[in-house]
Amino acid sequence: MVVSATTITVAVPSIMDQFGMSQQQVQWLVTGFLASMTSSMLSLAWLVDAFGQRLTFVVGFFVFIVASLLGGFAPSAEAMTVARVIQGAAAGGCLVMAWSVLPYASLLWSWRLAGATLSSCSVGETP
């Protein structure tokens, strides 16, 4: 998830050229992702209490992948910005839930789970 938040800086010049975006518009790609990720981390406790850890993680992971696909195939700058905000909200949920599950597993298995979960969450990141 952190990788998804920072790798966009590499793609900024090509995004600006492709969509004709200004520097202020491109800034919203990064800021929108980070702001929605932070706010979703704060509201996650209510979702876990209401729906459980597993369902919350699975839904967050699915929304992250769908938002990544929407951002990857975005036809306009506005669509990409909206996809990044949705992706950030889902990323916050995935990140917190992935680390909250680890204490319940054995030490070796939990590190394998952490690697698999966190690497798979960043596979579908939007450039």
Protein backbone atom coordinates (compact mmCIF):
# COMPACT_ATOMS: atom_id res chain seq x y z
CA MET A 1 0.00 0.00 0.00
CA VAL A 2 2.80 2.39 0.82
CA VAL A 3 4.37 1.38 -2.46
CA SER A 4 1.17 2.34 -4.25
CA ALA A 5 1.25 5.75 -2.58
CA THR A 6 4.83 6.54 -3.54
CA THR A 7 5.34 4.94 -6.97
CA ILE A 8 2.99 7.39 -8.60
CA THR A 9 5.72 10.01 -8.42
CA VAL A 10 7.63 8.07 -11.08
CA ALA A 11 4.64 8.18 -13.42
CA VAL A 12 3.76 11.86 -12.87
CA PRO A 13 5.45 13.21 -16.05
CA SER A 14 3.75 10.71 -18.33
CA ILE A 15 0.39 11.19 -16.59
CA MET A 16 0.69 14.95 -17.04
CA ASP A 17 1.46 14.51 -20.74
CA GLN A 18 -1.22 11.90 -21.43
CA PHE A 19 -4.07 13.70 -19.69
CA GLY A 20 -2.84 17.29 -20.02
CA MET A 21 -2.94 17.76 -16.27
CA SER A 22 -1.51 20.67 -14.33
CA GLN A 23 0.77 20.26 -11.33
CA GLN A 24 -2.14 21.02 -8.99
CA GLN A 25 -4.30 18.31 -10.58
CA VAL A 26 -1.51 15.75 -10.33
CA GLN A 27 -1.04 16.62 -6.67
CA TRP A 28 -4.59 15.42 -6.02
CA LEU A 29 -3.62 11.95 -7.26
CA VAL A 30 -1.15 11.63 -4.39
CA THR A 31 -2.97 13.68 -1.76
CA GLY A 32 -6.36 12.09 -2.46
CA PHE A 33 -4.90 8.61 -2.09
CA LEU A 34 -3.13 9.38 1.18
CA ALA A 35 -6.05 11.32 2.69
CA SER A 36 -8.58 8.61 1.92
CA MET A 37 -6.18 5.90 3.14
CA THR A 38 -5.74 7.71 6.46
CA SER A 39 -9.45 8.34 6.96
CA SER A 40 -10.34 4.73 6.18
CA MET A 41 -7.81 3.54 8.76
CA LEU A 42 -9.57 5.66 11.36
CA SER A 43 -13.06 4.35 10.57
CA LEU A 44 -12.05 0.71 10.23
CA ALA A 45 -12.85 -0.23 13.84
CA TRP A 46 -16.55 0.31 13.25
CA LEU A 47 -16.51 -1.86 10.10
CA VAL A 48 -14.69 -4.68 11.88
CA ASP A 49 -17.19 -4.59 14.76
CA ALA A 50 -20.13 -4.58 12.36
CA PHE A 51 -18.97 -7.12 9.77
CA GLY A 52 -15.98 -9.01 11.18
CA GLN A 53 -12.30 -9.05 10.29
CA ARG A 54 -12.42 -11.50 7.40
CA LEU A 55 -15.28 -9.90 5.49
CA THR A 56 -13.84 -6.43 6.02
CA PHE A 57 -10.47 -7.51 4.62
CA VAL A 58 -11.91 -9.39 1.64
CA VAL A 59 -14.20 -6.53 0.65
CA GLY A 60 -11.38 -4.00 1.05
CA PHE A 61 -9.05 -6.12 -1.05
CA PHE A 62 -11.70 -6.54 -3.78
CA VAL A 63 -12.46 -2.80 -3.84
CA PHE A 64 -8.72 -2.08 -4.06
CA ILE A 65 -8.33 -4.32 -7.11
CA VAL A 66 -11.41 -2.89 -8.84
CA ALA A 67 -10.26 0.69 -8.15
CA SER A 68 -6.81 -0.20 -9.51
CA LEU A 69 -8.35 -1.49 -12.71
CA LEU A 70 -10.55 1.59 -13.02
CA GLY A 71 -7.54 3.83 -12.53
CA GLY A 72 -5.47 1.87 -15.02
CA PHE A 73 -8.12 2.21 -17.71
CA ALA A 74 -9.22 5.74 -16.75
CA PRO A 75 -10.30 7.78 -19.79
CA SER A 76 -9.77 11.14 -18.09
CA ALA A 77 -7.85 12.86 -15.33
CA GLU A 78 -10.96 13.16 -13.19
CA ALA A 79 -11.71 9.45 -13.48
CA MET A 80 -8.15 8.60 -12.48
CA THR A 81 -8.33 10.92 -9.47
CA VAL A 82 -11.61 9.36 -8.30
CA ALA A 83 -10.16 5.86 -8.77
CA ARG A 84 -7.09 6.81 -6.72
CA VAL A 85 -9.24 8.13 -3.88
CA ILE A 86 -11.29 4.90 -3.83
CA GLN A 87 -8.08 2.89 -4.07
CA GLY A 88 -6.64 4.77 -1.10
CA ALA A 89 -9.71 4.09 1.04
CA ALA A 90 -9.49 0.39 0.27
CA ALA A 91 -5.72 0.38 0.79
CA GLY A 92 -6.12 1.73 4.32
CA GLY A 93 -8.51 -1.08 5.13
CA CYS A 94 -6.28 -3.76 3.64
CA LEU A 95 -3.20 -2.45 5.39
CA VAL A 96 -4.72 -2.32 8.85
CA MET A 97 -6.51 -5.64 8.48
CA ALA A 98 -3.42 -7.42 7.17
CA TRP A 99 -1.44 -6.44 10.25
CA SER A 100 -4.28 -7.18 12.67
CA VAL A 101 -4.52 -10.78 11.48
CA LEU A 102 -0.83 -11.57 12.02
CA PRO A 103 -0.83 -12.07 15.82
CA TYR A 104 -3.29 -14.97 15.46
CA ALA A 105 -0.92 -17.08 13.37
CA SER A 106 2.32 -18.82 14.25
CA LEU A 107 5.46 -16.74 13.81
CA LEU A 108 6.76 -18.35 10.61
CA TRP A 109 3.36 -18.58 8.99
CA SER A 110 2.49 -15.00 9.95
CA TRP A 111 5.56 -13.61 8.17
CA ARG A 112 4.68 -15.62 5.05
CA LEU A 113 1.13 -14.29 5.30
CA ALA A 114 2.39 -10.75 5.71
CA GLY A 115 4.61 -11.03 2.64
CA ALA A 116 1.91 -12.60 0.49
CA THR A 117 -0.82 -10.22 1.63
CA LEU A 118 1.12 -7.00 1.39
CA SER A 119 2.73 -7.88 -1.93
CA SER A 120 -0.58 -8.92 -3.45
CA CYS A 121 -2.23 -5.70 -2.27
CA SER A 122 0.30 -3.68 -4.28
CA VAL A 123 0.10 -5.81 -7.44
CA GLY A 124 -2.82 -3.93 -8.91
CA GLU A 125 -1.62 -0.43 -8.16
CA THR A 126 -2.43 2.35 -10.57
CA PRO A 127 0.52 4.14 -12.17
